[in-house]
PDB file of N, CA and C in Angstrom:
ATOM      1  N   UNK A   1    -238.246 -52.970 231.858  1.00  0.00           N
ATOM      2  CA  UNK A   1    -238.088 -52.072 232.993  1.00  0.00           C
ATOM      3  C   UNK A   1    -239.039 -52.525 234.097  1.00  0.00           C
ATOM      4  N   UNK A   2    -238.510 -52.577 235.298  1.00  0.00           N
ATOM      5  CA  UNK A   2    -239.292 -52.947 236.472  1.00  0.00           C
ATOM      6  C   UNK A   2    -239.856 -51.688 237.116  1.00  0.00           C
ATOM      7  N   UNK A   3    -241.128 -51.705 237.423  1.00  0.00           N
ATOM      8  CA  UNK A   3    -241.786 -50.577 238.071  1.00  0.00           C
ATOM      9  C   UNK A   3    -241.824 -50.834 239.571  1.00  0.00           C
ATOM     10  N   UNK A   4    -241.330 -49.880 240.351  1.00  0.00           N
ATOM     11  CA  UNK A   4    -241.387 -49.949 241.802  1.00  0.00           C
ATOM     12  C   UNK A   4    -242.389 -48.897 242.264  1.00  0.00           C
ATOM     13  N   UNK A   5    -243.476 -49.341 242.861  1.00  0.00           N
ATOM     14  CA  UNK A   5    -244.503 -48.414 243.334  1.00  0.00           C
ATOM     15  C   UNK A   5    -244.292 -48.137 244.819  1.00  0.00           C
ATOM     16  N   UNK A   6    -244.319 -46.858 245.173  1.00  0.00           N
ATOM     17  CA  UNK A   6    -244.138 -46.467 246.566  1.00  0.00           C
ATOM     18  C   UNK A   6    -245.337 -45.657 247.040  1.00  0.00           C
ATOM     19  N   UNK A   7    -245.593 -45.736 248.342  1.00  0.00           N
ATOM     20  CA  UNK A   7    -246.686 -44.956 248.929  1.00  0.00           C
ATOM     21  C   UNK A   7    -246.144 -43.767 249.710  1.00  0.00           C
ATOM     22  N   UNK A   8    -244.838 -43.755 249.941  1.00  0.00           N
ATOM     23  CA  UNK A   8    -244.181 -42.672 250.668  1.00  0.00           C
ATOM     24  C   UNK A   8    -243.652 -41.652 249.660  1.00  0.00           C
ATOM     25  N   UNK A   9    -243.241 -40.467 250.116  1.00  0.00           N
ATOM     26  CA  UNK A   9    -242.725 -39.470 249.170  1.00  0.00           C
ATOM     27  C   UNK A   9    -241.464 -39.929 248.435  1.00  0.00           C
ATOM     28  N   UNK A  10    -240.641 -40.770 249.072  1.00  0.00           N
ATOM     29  CA  UNK A  10    -239.416 -41.253 248.443  1.00  0.00           C
ATOM     30  C   UNK A  10    -239.014 -42.591 249.053  1.00  0.00           C
ATOM     31  N   UNK A  11    -238.053 -43.250 248.417  1.00  0.00           N
ATOM     32  CA  UNK A  11    -237.450 -44.483 248.921  1.00  0.00           C
ATOM     33  C   UNK A  11    -235.947 -44.312 248.755  1.00  0.00           C
ATOM     34  N   UNK A  12    -235.154 -44.880 249.657  1.00  0.00           N
ATOM     35  CA  UNK A  12    -233.710 -44.745 249.510  1.00  0.00           C
ATOM     36  C   UNK A  12    -233.183 -45.834 248.575  1.00  0.00           C
ATOM     37  N   UNK A  13    -231.995 -45.610 248.065  1.00  0.00           N
ATOM     38  CA  UNK A  13    -231.382 -46.578 247.160  1.00  0.00           C
ATOM     39  C   UNK A  13    -231.197 -47.918 247.859  1.00  0.00           C
ATOM     40  N   UNK A  14    -230.782 -47.901 249.116  1.00  0.00           N
ATOM     41  CA  UNK A  14    -230.637 -49.138 249.872  1.00  0.00           C
ATOM     42  C   UNK A  14    -231.955 -49.882 250.013  1.00  0.00           C
ATOM     43  N   UNK A  15    -233.035 -49.146 250.283  1.00  0.00           N
ATOM     44  CA  UNK A  15    -234.362 -49.768 250.396  1.00  0.00           C
ATOM     45  C   UNK A  15    -234.791 -50.366 249.065  1.00  0.00           C
ATOM     46  N   UNK A  16    -234.495 -49.685 247.981  1.00  0.00           N
ATOM     47  CA  UNK A  16    -234.841 -50.206 246.650  1.00  0.00           C
ATOM     48  C   UNK A  16    -234.136 -51.526 246.394  1.00  0.00           C
ATOM     49  N   UNK A  17    -232.859 -51.600 246.717  1.00  0.00           N
ATOM     50  CA  UNK A  17    -232.098 -52.827 246.485  1.00  0.00           C
ATOM     51  C   UNK A  17    -232.678 -53.993 247.279  1.00  0.00           C
ATOM     52  N   UNK A  18    -233.108 -53.739 248.504  1.00  0.00           N
ATOM     53  CA  UNK A  18    -233.739 -54.790 249.310  1.00  0.00           C
ATOM     54  C   UNK A  18    -235.111 -55.139 248.753  1.00  0.00           C
ATOM     55  N   UNK A  19    -235.905 -54.146 248.419  1.00  0.00           N
ATOM     56  CA  UNK A  19    -237.260 -54.353 247.910  1.00  0.00           C
ATOM     57  C   UNK A  19    -237.245 -55.161 246.608  1.00  0.00           C
ATOM     58  N   UNK A  20    -236.243 -54.916 245.768  1.00  0.00           N
ATOM     59  CA  UNK A  20    -236.147 -55.591 244.473  1.00  0.00           C
ATOM     60  C   UNK A  20    -235.433 -56.943 244.582  1.00  0.00           C
ATOM     61  N   UNK A  21    -235.105 -57.362 245.815  1.00  0.00           N
ATOM     62  CA  UNK A  21    -234.432 -58.643 246.058  1.00  0.00           C
ATOM     63  C   UNK A  21    -233.065 -58.748 245.390  1.00  0.00           C
ATOM     64  N   UNK A  22    -232.400 -57.623 245.247  1.00  0.00           N
ATOM     65  CA  UNK A  22    -231.037 -57.633 244.724  1.00  0.00           C
ATOM     66  C   UNK A  22    -230.076 -57.983 245.858  1.00  0.00           C
ATOM     67  N   UNK A  23    -230.367 -57.494 247.041  1.00  0.00           N
ATOM     68  CA  UNK A  23    -229.631 -57.864 248.249  1.00  0.00           C
ATOM     69  C   UNK A  23    -230.645 -58.395 249.258  1.00  0.00           C
ATOM     70  N   UNK A  24    -230.162 -59.182 250.233  1.00  0.00           N
ATOM     71  CA  UNK A  24    -231.104 -59.771 251.181  1.00  0.00           C
ATOM     72  C   UNK A  24    -231.166 -59.050 252.516  1.00  0.00           C
ATOM     73  N   UNK A  25    -230.145 -58.229 252.817  1.00  0.00           N
ATOM     74  CA  UNK A  25    -230.177 -57.493 254.084  1.00  0.00           C
ATOM     75  C   UNK A  25    -229.511 -56.135 253.918  1.00  0.00           C
ATOM     76  N   UNK A  26    -229.811 -55.236 254.836  1.00  0.00           N
ATOM     77  CA  UNK A  26    -229.233 -53.901 254.780  1.00  0.00           C
ATOM     78  C   UNK A  26    -227.724 -53.906 254.930  1.00  0.00           C
ATOM     79  N   UNK A  27    -227.180 -54.926 255.606  1.00  0.00           N
ATOM     80  CA  UNK A  27    -225.734 -55.029 255.771  1.00  0.00           C
ATOM     81  C   UNK A  27    -224.996 -55.288 254.472  1.00  0.00           C
ATOM     82  N   UNK A  28    -225.688 -55.753 253.469  1.00  0.00           N
ATOM     83  CA  UNK A  28    -225.067 -56.022 252.165  1.00  0.00           C
ATOM     84  C   UNK A  28    -225.042 -54.791 251.267  1.00  0.00           C
ATOM     85  N   UNK A  29    -225.719 -53.738 251.668  1.00  0.00           N
ATOM     86  CA  UNK A  29    -225.868 -52.568 250.805  1.00  0.00           C
ATOM     87  C   UNK A  29    -224.539 -51.917 250.463  1.00  0.00           C
ATOM     88  N   UNK A  30    -223.760 -51.574 251.470  1.00  0.00           N
ATOM     89  CA  UNK A  30    -222.516 -50.842 251.238  1.00  0.00           C
ATOM     90  C   UNK A  30    -221.538 -51.637 250.354  1.00  0.00           C
ATOM     91  N   UNK A  31    -221.259 -52.915 250.659  1.00  0.00           N
ATOM     92  CA  UNK A  31    -220.371 -53.668 249.771  1.00  0.00           C
ATOM     93  C   UNK A  31    -220.919 -53.793 248.346  1.00  0.00           C
ATOM     94  N   UNK A  32    -222.235 -53.976 248.216  1.00  0.00           N
ATOM     95  CA  UNK A  32    -222.842 -54.083 246.889  1.00  0.00           C
ATOM     96  C   UNK A  32    -222.610 -52.805 246.091  1.00  0.00           C
ATOM     97  N   UNK A  33    -222.819 -51.653 246.734  1.00  0.00           N
ATOM     98  CA  UNK A  33    -222.666 -50.375 246.039  1.00  0.00           C
ATOM     99  C   UNK A  33    -221.215 -50.096 245.668  1.00  0.00           C
ATOM    100  N   UNK A  34    -220.270 -50.622 246.427  1.00  0.00           N
ATOM    101  CA  UNK A  34    -218.851 -50.434 246.105  1.00  0.00           C
ATOM    102  C   UNK A  34    -218.412 -51.289 244.921  1.00  0.00           C
ATOM    103  N   UNK A  35    -219.084 -52.422 244.703  1.00  0.00           N
ATOM    104  CA  UNK A  35    -218.673 -53.365 243.671  1.00  0.00           C
ATOM    105  C   UNK A  35    -219.495 -53.294 242.389  1.00  0.00           C
ATOM    106  N   UNK A  36    -220.573 -52.529 242.384  1.00  0.00           N
ATOM    107  CA  UNK A  36    -221.463 -52.495 241.229  1.00  0.00           C
ATOM    108  C   UNK A  36    -221.698 -51.067 240.772  1.00  0.00           C
ATOM    109  N   UNK A  37    -222.107 -50.937 239.519  1.00  0.00           N
ATOM    110  CA  UNK A  37    -222.355 -49.622 238.928  1.00  0.00           C
ATOM    111  C   UNK A  37    -223.850 -49.320 239.007  1.00  0.00           C
ATOM    112  N   UNK A  38    -224.172 -48.242 239.716  1.00  0.00           N
ATOM    113  CA  UNK A  38    -225.557 -47.801 239.859  1.00  0.00           C
ATOM    114  C   UNK A  38    -225.675 -46.433 239.192  1.00  0.00           C
ATOM    115  N   UNK A  39    -226.655 -46.284 238.318  1.00  0.00           N
ATOM    116  CA  UNK A  39    -226.897 -45.018 237.630  1.00  0.00           C
ATOM    117  C   UNK A  39    -228.316 -44.572 237.948  1.00  0.00           C
ATOM    118  N   UNK A  40    -228.428 -43.384 238.511  1.00  0.00           N
ATOM    119  CA  UNK A  40    -229.728 -42.806 238.848  1.00  0.00           C
ATOM    120  C   UNK A  40    -229.937 -41.590 237.960  1.00  0.00           C
ATOM    121  N   UNK A  41    -230.956 -41.621 237.132  1.00  0.00           N
ATOM    122  CA  UNK A  41    -231.253 -40.513 236.210  1.00  0.00           C
ATOM    123  C   UNK A  41    -230.022 -40.106 235.404  1.00  0.00           C
ATOM    124  N   UNK A  42    -229.327 -41.085 234.855  1.00  0.00           N
ATOM    125  CA  UNK A  42    -228.150 -40.899 234.004  1.00  0.00           C
ATOM    126  C   UNK A  42    -226.927 -40.363 234.733  1.00  0.00           C
ATOM    127  N   UNK A  43    -226.905 -40.394 236.065  1.00  0.00           N
ATOM    128  CA  UNK A  43    -225.747 -39.981 236.860  1.00  0.00           C
ATOM    129  C   UNK A  43    -225.323 -41.127 237.765  1.00  0.00           C
ATOM    130  N   UNK A  44    -224.013 -41.428 237.776  1.00  0.00           N
ATOM    131  CA  UNK A  44    -223.491 -42.462 238.665  1.00  0.00           C
ATOM    132  C   UNK A  44    -223.740 -42.065 240.113  1.00  0.00           C
ATOM    133  N   UNK A  45    -224.191 -43.011 240.934  1.00  0.00           N
ATOM    134  CA  UNK A  45    -224.435 -42.726 242.345  1.00  0.00           C
ATOM    135  C   UNK A  45    -224.314 -44.013 243.153  1.00  0.00           C
ATOM    136  N   UNK A  46    -223.535 -43.981 244.214  1.00  0.00           N
ATOM    137  CA  UNK A  46    -223.382 -45.169 245.046  1.00  0.00           C
ATOM    138  C   UNK A  46    -223.698 -44.882 246.513  1.00  0.00           C
ATOM    139  N   UNK A  47    -224.517 -43.875 246.759  1.00  0.00           N
ATOM    140  CA  UNK A  47    -224.915 -43.542 248.137  1.00  0.00           C
ATOM    141  C   UNK A  47    -226.146 -44.340 248.525  1.00  0.00           C
ATOM    142  N   UNK A  48    -226.034 -45.138 249.573  1.00  0.00           N
ATOM    143  CA  UNK A  48    -227.171 -45.981 249.969  1.00  0.00           C
ATOM    144  C   UNK A  48    -228.356 -45.160 250.449  1.00  0.00           C
ATOM    145  N   UNK A  49    -228.122 -43.944 250.922  1.00  0.00           N
ATOM    146  CA  UNK A  49    -229.192 -43.074 251.390  1.00  0.00           C
ATOM    147  C   UNK A  49    -229.762 -42.167 250.324  1.00  0.00           C
ATOM    148  N   UNK A  50    -229.324 -42.327 249.074  1.00  0.00           N
ATOM    149  CA  UNK A  50    -229.828 -41.500 247.974  1.00  0.00           C
ATOM    150  C   UNK A  50    -231.343 -41.617 247.910  1.00  0.00           C
ATOM    151  N   UNK A  51    -232.026 -40.486 247.961  1.00  0.00           N
ATOM    152  CA  UNK A  51    -233.488 -40.492 247.910  1.00  0.00           C
ATOM    153  C   UNK A  51    -233.956 -40.631 246.464  1.00  0.00           C
ATOM    154  N   UNK A  52    -234.844 -41.569 246.246  1.00  0.00           N
ATOM    155  CA  UNK A  52    -235.414 -41.812 244.919  1.00  0.00           C
ATOM    156  C   UNK A  52    -236.889 -41.416 244.954  1.00  0.00           C
ATOM    157  N   UNK A  53    -237.267 -40.586 244.018  1.00  0.00           N
ATOM    158  CA  UNK A  53    -238.620 -40.037 243.962  1.00  0.00           C
ATOM    159  C   UNK A  53    -239.366 -40.589 242.749  1.00  0.00           C
ATOM    160  N   UNK A  54    -240.698 -40.516 242.756  1.00  0.00           N
ATOM    161  CA  UNK A  54    -241.449 -40.942 241.567  1.00  0.00           C
ATOM    162  C   UNK A  54    -240.921 -40.237 240.315  1.00  0.00           C
ATOM    163  N   UNK A  55    -240.730 -41.019 239.261  1.00  0.00           N
ATOM    164  CA  UNK A  55    -240.183 -40.500 238.012  1.00  0.00           C
ATOM    165  C   UNK A  55    -238.708 -40.808 237.843  1.00  0.00           C
ATOM    166  N   UNK A  56    -238.016 -41.151 238.934  1.00  0.00           N
ATOM    167  CA  UNK A  56    -236.592 -41.486 238.844  1.00  0.00           C
ATOM    168  C   UNK A  56    -236.404 -42.831 238.161  1.00  0.00           C
ATOM    169  N   UNK A  57    -235.316 -42.964 237.413  1.00  0.00           N
ATOM    170  CA  UNK A  57    -234.960 -44.230 236.793  1.00  0.00           C
ATOM    171  C   UNK A  57    -233.615 -44.670 237.344  1.00  0.00           C
ATOM    172  N   UNK A  58    -233.480 -45.973 237.551  1.00  0.00           N
ATOM    173  CA  UNK A  58    -232.279 -46.539 238.149  1.00  0.00           C
ATOM    174  C   UNK A  58    -231.809 -47.692 237.281  1.00  0.00           C
ATOM    175  N   UNK A  59    -230.492 -47.726 237.006  1.00  0.00           N
ATOM    176  CA  UNK A  59    -229.887 -48.832 236.267  1.00  0.00           C
ATOM    177  C   UNK A  59    -228.861 -49.487 237.185  1.00  0.00           C
ATOM    178  N   UNK A  60    -228.888 -50.815 237.243  1.00  0.00           N
ATOM    179  CA  UNK A  60    -227.924 -51.570 238.031  1.00  0.00           C
ATOM    180  C   UNK A  60    -227.096 -52.394 237.064  1.00  0.00           C
ATOM    181  N   UNK A  61    -225.807 -52.059 236.952  1.00  0.00           N
ATOM    182  CA  UNK A  61    -224.876 -52.765 236.063  1.00  0.00           C
ATOM    183  C   UNK A  61    -225.348 -52.829 234.611  1.00  0.00           C
ATOM    184  N   UNK A  62    -226.110 -51.853 234.183  1.00  0.00           N
ATOM    185  CA  UNK A  62    -226.642 -51.804 232.809  1.00  0.00           C
ATOM    186  C   UNK A  62    -227.462 -53.043 232.451  1.00  0.00           C
ATOM    187  N   UNK A  63    -227.902 -53.810 233.473  1.00  0.00           N
ATOM    188  CA  UNK A  63    -228.683 -55.022 233.228  1.00  0.00           C
ATOM    189  C   UNK A  63    -230.088 -54.922 233.809  1.00  0.00           C
ATOM    190  N   UNK A  64    -230.211 -54.351 234.982  1.00  0.00           N
ATOM    191  CA  UNK A  64    -231.508 -54.220 235.642  1.00  0.00           C
ATOM    192  C   UNK A  64    -231.943 -52.767 235.593  1.00  0.00           C
ATOM    193  N   UNK A  65    -233.172 -52.546 235.207  1.00  0.00           N
ATOM    194  CA  UNK A  65    -233.704 -51.194 235.069  1.00  0.00           C
ATOM    195  C   UNK A  65    -234.955 -51.061 235.927  1.00  0.00           C
ATOM    196  N   UNK A  66    -235.029 -49.960 236.674  1.00  0.00           N
ATOM    197  CA  UNK A  66    -236.166 -49.703 237.552  1.00  0.00           C
ATOM    198  C   UNK A  66    -236.673 -48.280 237.342  1.00  0.00           C
ATOM    199  N   UNK A  67    -237.961 -48.100 237.535  1.00  0.00           N
ATOM    200  CA  UNK A  67    -238.557 -46.776 237.539  1.00  0.00           C
ATOM    201  C   UNK A  67    -239.430 -46.680 238.778  1.00  0.00           C
ATOM    202  N   UNK A  68    -239.328 -45.542 239.473  1.00  0.00           N
ATOM    203  CA  UNK A  68    -240.118 -45.315 240.685  1.00  0.00           C
ATOM    204  C   UNK A  68    -241.422 -44.640 240.287  1.00  0.00           C
ATOM    205  N   UNK A  69    -242.518 -45.166 240.798  1.00  0.00           N
ATOM    206  CA  UNK A  69    -243.840 -44.581 240.561  1.00  0.00           C
ATOM    207  C   UNK A  69    -244.581 -44.443 241.874  1.00  0.00           C
ATOM    208  N   UNK A  70    -245.437 -43.446 241.953  1.00  0.00           N
ATOM    209  CA  UNK A  70    -246.280 -43.231 243.130  1.00  0.00           C
ATOM    210  C   UNK A  70    -247.468 -44.172 243.037  1.00  0.00           C
ATOM    211  N   UNK A  71    -247.698 -44.951 244.088  1.00  0.00           N
ATOM    212  CA  UNK A  71    -248.850 -45.856 244.106  1.00  0.00           C
ATOM    213  C   UNK A  71    -250.089 -45.062 244.501  1.00  0.00           C
ATOM    214  N   UNK A  72    -251.123 -45.190 243.700  1.00  0.00           N
ATOM    215  CA  UNK A  72    -252.363 -44.452 243.970  1.00  0.00           C
ATOM    216  C   UNK A  72    -253.388 -45.322 244.641  1.00  0.00           C
TER     217      UNK A  72
END
């Protein structure tokens, strides 16, 4: 599982995909989300603006796993 540390209250799903180098630009977000399976806290979600908070877990195509943590 990959840990993503944030200093803000939340990060969006699109920002996570860019931060994790899954996509290279924001313009790739929408097509990526239409073609891939994203699960946030055991619920399917393909909204690029989905807010992710510390404690959330994200699965991308059942291959990549991320957890959001607050950076102290």
